[in-house]
N, C-alpha and C. Protein backbone atom coordinates (compact mmCIF):
# COMPACT_ATOMS: atom_id res chain seq x y z
N GLU A 1 -132.64 7.24 64.72
CA GLU A 1 -132.44 7.81 66.07
C GLU A 1 -131.42 7.07 66.75
N LEU A 2 -131.48 5.70 66.66
CA LEU A 2 -130.43 4.87 67.48
C LEU A 2 -129.03 5.13 66.97
N GLN A 3 -128.92 5.21 65.58
CA GLN A 3 -127.64 5.42 65.06
C GLN A 3 -127.08 6.89 65.47
N GLY A 4 -128.00 7.85 65.62
CA GLY A 4 -127.60 9.15 65.99
C GLY A 4 -127.12 9.10 67.45
N ALA A 5 -127.77 8.27 68.27
CA ALA A 5 -127.29 8.24 69.68
C ALA A 5 -125.95 7.53 69.76
N ILE A 6 -125.73 6.53 68.89
CA ILE A 6 -124.37 5.88 68.95
C ILE A 6 -123.27 6.88 68.40
N MET A 7 -123.65 7.60 67.38
CA MET A 7 -122.60 8.57 66.84
C MET A 7 -122.32 9.58 67.87
N THR A 8 -123.33 10.12 68.66
CA THR A 8 -123.03 11.12 69.63
C THR A 8 -122.16 10.49 70.76
N LYS A 9 -122.42 9.28 71.05
CA LYS A 9 -121.57 8.61 72.15
C LYS A 9 -120.20 8.57 71.58
N GLN A 10 -120.00 8.10 70.31
CA GLN A 10 -118.70 8.00 69.79
C GLN A 10 -117.95 9.27 69.65
N CYS A 11 -118.70 10.34 69.30
CA CYS A 11 -118.09 11.66 69.24
C CYS A 11 -117.66 12.17 70.65
N LEU A 12 -118.47 11.89 71.56
CA LEU A 12 -118.12 12.31 73.00
C LEU A 12 -116.90 11.53 73.43
N THR A 13 -116.77 10.28 73.12
CA THR A 13 -115.68 9.52 73.44
C THR A 13 -114.40 9.97 72.76
N LYS A 14 -114.58 10.35 71.46
CA LYS A 14 -113.49 10.83 70.61
C LYS A 14 -112.92 12.22 71.25
N GLN A 15 -113.99 13.07 71.68
CA GLN A 15 -113.61 14.37 72.26
C GLN A 15 -112.98 14.19 73.56
N GLU A 16 -113.37 13.27 74.36
CA GLU A 16 -112.78 13.02 75.63
C GLU A 16 -111.31 12.51 75.45
N LEU A 17 -111.20 11.63 74.47
CA LEU A 17 -109.91 10.99 74.10
C LEU A 17 -108.93 12.11 73.66
N MET A 18 -109.45 13.09 72.89
CA MET A 18 -108.51 14.18 72.31
C MET A 18 -108.12 15.01 73.65
N GLU A 19 -109.04 15.26 74.52
CA GLU A 19 -108.75 16.09 75.66
C GLU A 19 -107.68 15.43 76.52
N ARG A 20 -107.78 14.08 76.70
CA ARG A 20 -106.78 13.34 77.45
C ARG A 20 -105.44 13.32 76.82
N LEU A 21 -105.44 13.09 75.43
CA LEU A 21 -104.21 13.29 74.72
C LEU A 21 -103.53 14.63 74.82
N GLY A 22 -104.44 15.67 74.92
CA GLY A 22 -104.03 17.03 74.96
C GLY A 22 -103.27 17.34 76.29
N GLU A 23 -103.52 16.44 77.33
CA GLU A 23 -102.92 16.65 78.65
C GLU A 23 -101.42 16.51 78.59
N PHE A 24 -100.84 15.89 77.49
CA PHE A 24 -99.55 15.58 77.26
C PHE A 24 -98.95 16.64 76.42
N SER A 25 -98.03 17.48 76.98
CA SER A 25 -97.41 18.56 76.23
C SER A 25 -96.41 18.03 75.19
N PRO A 26 -96.16 18.66 74.13
CA PRO A 26 -95.21 18.25 73.13
C PRO A 26 -93.80 17.87 73.93
N ALA A 27 -93.49 18.73 74.82
CA ALA A 27 -92.25 18.50 75.60
C ALA A 27 -92.26 17.20 76.39
N GLU A 28 -93.41 16.91 77.01
CA GLU A 28 -93.59 15.69 77.68
C GLU A 28 -93.56 14.44 76.78
N LYS A 29 -94.19 14.58 75.64
CA LYS A 29 -94.16 13.46 74.71
C LYS A 29 -92.75 13.21 74.22
N LYS A 30 -91.98 14.30 74.01
CA LYS A 30 -90.55 14.08 73.60
C LYS A 30 -89.74 13.41 74.73
N GLU A 31 -89.95 13.82 75.99
CA GLU A 31 -89.28 13.20 77.06
C GLU A 31 -89.67 11.74 77.17
N ILE A 32 -90.90 11.43 76.95
CA ILE A 32 -91.32 10.03 77.05
C ILE A 32 -90.68 9.21 75.93
N ARG A 33 -90.66 9.82 74.72
CA ARG A 33 -89.96 9.19 73.58
C ARG A 33 -88.48 8.93 73.88
N GLU A 34 -87.80 9.89 74.39
CA GLU A 34 -86.37 9.76 74.73
C GLU A 34 -86.18 8.73 75.84
N TYR A 35 -87.10 8.79 76.82
CA TYR A 35 -86.97 7.80 77.91
C TYR A 35 -87.10 6.42 77.41
N LEU A 36 -88.16 6.13 76.54
CA LEU A 36 -88.28 4.71 75.99
C LEU A 36 -87.12 4.40 75.15
N GLN A 37 -86.58 5.32 74.29
CA GLN A 37 -85.46 5.03 73.52
C GLN A 37 -84.32 4.56 74.37
N ARG A 38 -83.98 5.19 75.47
CA ARG A 38 -82.89 4.81 76.33
C ARG A 38 -83.12 3.50 77.14
N LYS A 39 -84.35 3.44 77.82
CA LYS A 39 -84.68 2.43 78.81
C LYS A 39 -85.26 1.23 78.19
N ASN A 40 -86.09 1.29 77.20
CA ASN A 40 -86.87 0.08 76.73
C ASN A 40 -87.00 0.24 75.19
N PRO A 41 -85.88 -0.20 74.50
CA PRO A 41 -85.94 -0.07 72.98
C PRO A 41 -87.12 -0.87 72.35
N LEU A 42 -87.42 -1.99 72.87
CA LEU A 42 -88.64 -2.83 72.34
C LEU A 42 -89.94 -2.04 72.39
N LEU A 43 -90.14 -1.46 73.63
CA LEU A 43 -91.40 -0.69 73.78
C LEU A 43 -91.31 0.54 72.94
N PHE A 44 -90.08 1.11 72.78
CA PHE A 44 -89.94 2.32 71.98
C PHE A 44 -90.37 1.99 70.48
N ARG A 45 -89.93 0.83 70.00
CA ARG A 45 -90.32 0.43 68.63
C ARG A 45 -91.80 0.25 68.47
N LYS A 46 -92.40 -0.34 69.54
CA LYS A 46 -93.88 -0.56 69.53
C LYS A 46 -94.55 0.94 69.42
N PHE A 47 -94.09 1.77 70.26
CA PHE A 47 -94.57 3.18 70.33
C PHE A 47 -94.48 3.78 68.97
N GLU A 48 -93.31 3.63 68.33
CA GLU A 48 -93.15 4.23 67.03
C GLU A 48 -94.07 3.59 65.96
N ARG A 49 -94.18 2.39 66.04
CA ARG A 49 -95.16 1.57 65.08
C ARG A 49 -96.59 2.12 65.24
N MET A 50 -96.94 2.31 66.52
CA MET A 50 -98.27 2.84 66.73
C MET A 50 -98.51 4.15 66.19
N LYS A 51 -97.56 5.07 66.28
CA LYS A 51 -97.70 6.43 65.75
C LYS A 51 -97.75 6.28 64.21
N HIS A 52 -96.83 5.45 63.55
CA HIS A 52 -96.89 5.29 62.14
C HIS A 52 -98.19 4.76 61.61
N GLU A 53 -98.80 3.78 62.35
CA GLU A 53 -100.08 3.24 61.97
C GLU A 53 -101.17 4.22 62.17
N LEU A 54 -101.13 5.11 63.07
CA LEU A 54 -102.15 6.18 63.29
C LEU A 54 -102.01 7.10 62.13
N PHE A 55 -100.79 7.50 61.74
CA PHE A 55 -100.63 8.46 60.57
C PHE A 55 -101.12 7.79 59.36
N ARG A 56 -100.94 6.49 59.18
CA ARG A 56 -101.37 5.80 57.87
C ARG A 56 -102.90 5.79 57.87
N LEU A 57 -103.53 5.37 59.05
CA LEU A 57 -105.04 5.39 59.14
C LEU A 57 -105.60 6.75 58.86
N GLU A 58 -105.04 7.77 59.45
CA GLU A 58 -105.61 9.12 59.25
C GLU A 58 -105.55 9.55 57.89
N SER A 59 -104.41 9.31 57.16
CA SER A 59 -104.26 9.71 55.67
C SER A 59 -105.31 8.82 54.96
N ARG A 60 -105.58 7.49 55.27
CA ARG A 60 -106.49 6.74 54.59
C ARG A 60 -107.96 7.30 54.79
N ARG A 61 -108.12 7.80 56.06
CA ARG A 61 -109.45 8.33 56.40
C ARG A 61 -109.73 9.57 55.59
N ILE A 62 -108.73 10.44 55.37
CA ILE A 62 -108.88 11.65 54.52
C ILE A 62 -109.19 11.27 53.07
N GLN A 63 -108.49 10.23 52.62
CA GLN A 63 -108.72 9.76 51.31
C GLN A 63 -110.19 9.32 51.06
N CYS A 64 -110.79 8.58 52.12
CA CYS A 64 -112.04 8.13 52.06
C CYS A 64 -113.12 9.31 52.14
N GLU A 65 -112.72 10.35 52.86
CA GLU A 65 -113.57 11.55 52.96
C GLU A 65 -113.79 12.10 51.55
N ILE A 66 -112.52 12.24 50.89
CA ILE A 66 -112.53 12.89 49.50
C ILE A 66 -113.38 12.06 48.55
N GLU A 67 -113.20 10.73 48.69
CA GLU A 67 -113.89 9.79 47.81
C GLU A 67 -115.30 9.59 48.25
N LYS A 68 -115.71 10.22 49.42
CA LYS A 68 -117.04 9.89 49.92
C LYS A 68 -117.42 8.57 50.15
N ASN A 69 -116.51 7.73 50.68
CA ASN A 69 -116.73 6.29 50.95
C ASN A 69 -117.09 6.17 52.36
N GLU A 70 -118.44 6.33 52.69
CA GLU A 70 -119.02 6.37 54.09
C GLU A 70 -118.70 5.10 54.81
N LYS A 71 -118.86 4.01 54.19
CA LYS A 71 -118.72 2.72 54.79
C LYS A 71 -117.29 2.50 55.41
N GLU A 72 -116.40 2.65 54.55
CA GLU A 72 -114.95 2.53 55.02
C GLU A 72 -114.63 3.58 55.96
N LEU A 73 -115.17 4.78 55.80
CA LEU A 73 -114.80 5.89 56.70
C LEU A 73 -115.27 5.50 58.07
N ASN A 74 -116.43 5.02 58.22
CA ASN A 74 -116.98 4.62 59.62
C ASN A 74 -116.05 3.54 60.25
N GLN A 75 -115.54 2.61 59.41
CA GLN A 75 -114.71 1.53 59.84
C GLN A 75 -113.36 2.16 60.27
N LEU A 76 -112.85 3.09 59.54
CA LEU A 76 -111.45 3.71 59.90
C LEU A 76 -111.67 4.59 61.09
N ASP A 77 -112.79 5.34 61.29
CA ASP A 77 -112.97 6.10 62.46
C ASP A 77 -112.92 5.22 63.61
N HIS A 78 -113.57 4.10 63.62
CA HIS A 78 -113.59 3.16 64.80
C HIS A 78 -112.14 2.60 65.03
N LYS A 79 -111.44 2.22 64.04
CA LYS A 79 -110.03 1.69 64.12
C LYS A 79 -109.13 2.76 64.80
N ILE A 80 -109.25 4.00 64.25
CA ILE A 80 -108.43 5.19 64.77
C ILE A 80 -108.74 5.37 66.22
N LEU A 81 -109.96 5.42 66.58
CA LEU A 81 -110.38 5.58 67.96
C LEU A 81 -109.76 4.56 68.84
N MET A 82 -109.90 3.31 68.47
CA MET A 82 -109.34 2.24 69.27
C MET A 82 -107.74 2.43 69.33
N LYS A 83 -107.12 2.67 68.26
CA LYS A 83 -105.61 2.80 68.30
C LYS A 83 -105.30 4.04 69.22
N LYS A 84 -105.99 5.12 69.12
CA LYS A 84 -105.69 6.27 69.96
C LYS A 84 -105.97 5.94 71.48
N GLU A 85 -106.97 5.17 71.73
CA GLU A 85 -107.08 4.76 73.17
C GLU A 85 -106.02 3.97 73.66
N HIS A 86 -105.49 2.98 72.84
CA HIS A 86 -104.33 2.14 73.16
C HIS A 86 -103.15 2.98 73.33
N PHE A 87 -102.94 3.93 72.47
CA PHE A 87 -101.75 4.84 72.53
C PHE A 87 -101.79 5.64 73.77
N LEU A 88 -103.03 6.17 74.14
CA LEU A 88 -103.19 6.94 75.44
C LEU A 88 -102.87 6.08 76.62
N GLU A 89 -103.28 4.76 76.60
CA GLU A 89 -103.09 3.86 77.66
C GLU A 89 -101.56 3.68 77.88
N LEU A 90 -100.89 3.66 76.76
CA LEU A 90 -99.46 3.37 76.82
C LEU A 90 -98.74 4.65 77.32
N LEU A 91 -99.19 5.85 76.90
CA LEU A 91 -98.55 7.07 77.39
C LEU A 91 -98.73 7.15 78.97
N ILE A 92 -99.94 6.95 79.41
CA ILE A 92 -100.31 7.06 80.86
C ILE A 92 -99.47 6.00 81.63
N ALA A 93 -99.28 4.88 81.08
CA ALA A 93 -98.56 3.78 81.83
C ALA A 93 -97.06 4.27 81.88
N ILE A 94 -96.51 4.82 80.85
CA ILE A 94 -95.11 5.23 80.88
C ILE A 94 -95.01 6.37 81.82
N ARG A 95 -95.95 7.38 81.77
CA ARG A 95 -95.89 8.56 82.72
C ARG A 95 -95.89 8.00 84.14
N LYS A 96 -96.77 7.06 84.52
CA LYS A 96 -96.76 6.47 85.87
C LYS A 96 -95.40 5.82 86.23
N LYS A 97 -94.85 5.09 85.27
CA LYS A 97 -93.63 4.33 85.51
C LYS A 97 -92.50 5.25 85.73
N ARG A 98 -92.48 6.41 85.00
CA ARG A 98 -91.37 7.40 85.18
C ARG A 98 -91.49 8.23 86.39
N GLY A 99 -92.73 8.30 86.92
CA GLY A 99 -92.94 8.98 88.20
C GLY A 99 -93.13 10.40 88.06
């Protein structure tokens, strides 16, 4: 029961996170990317590394699902959630800075 409650909380958090990320349209994400590329190349590189790391973790997660490796899958889900939260914080900070 306790684990079920924890999973529900994690899923809600994941759902809320995806909704917040959904607030950024593809056009706005592109503008943010171009803004960073022009104004702050170091932060742009960090932004691109974060995206690459998320893609890598997501592909590893799918591989674990196929292999039915539950232990690593849970660890990856947690890592992905943390990375996406950090990515969202970065997007929001850049949005505020741009005005």
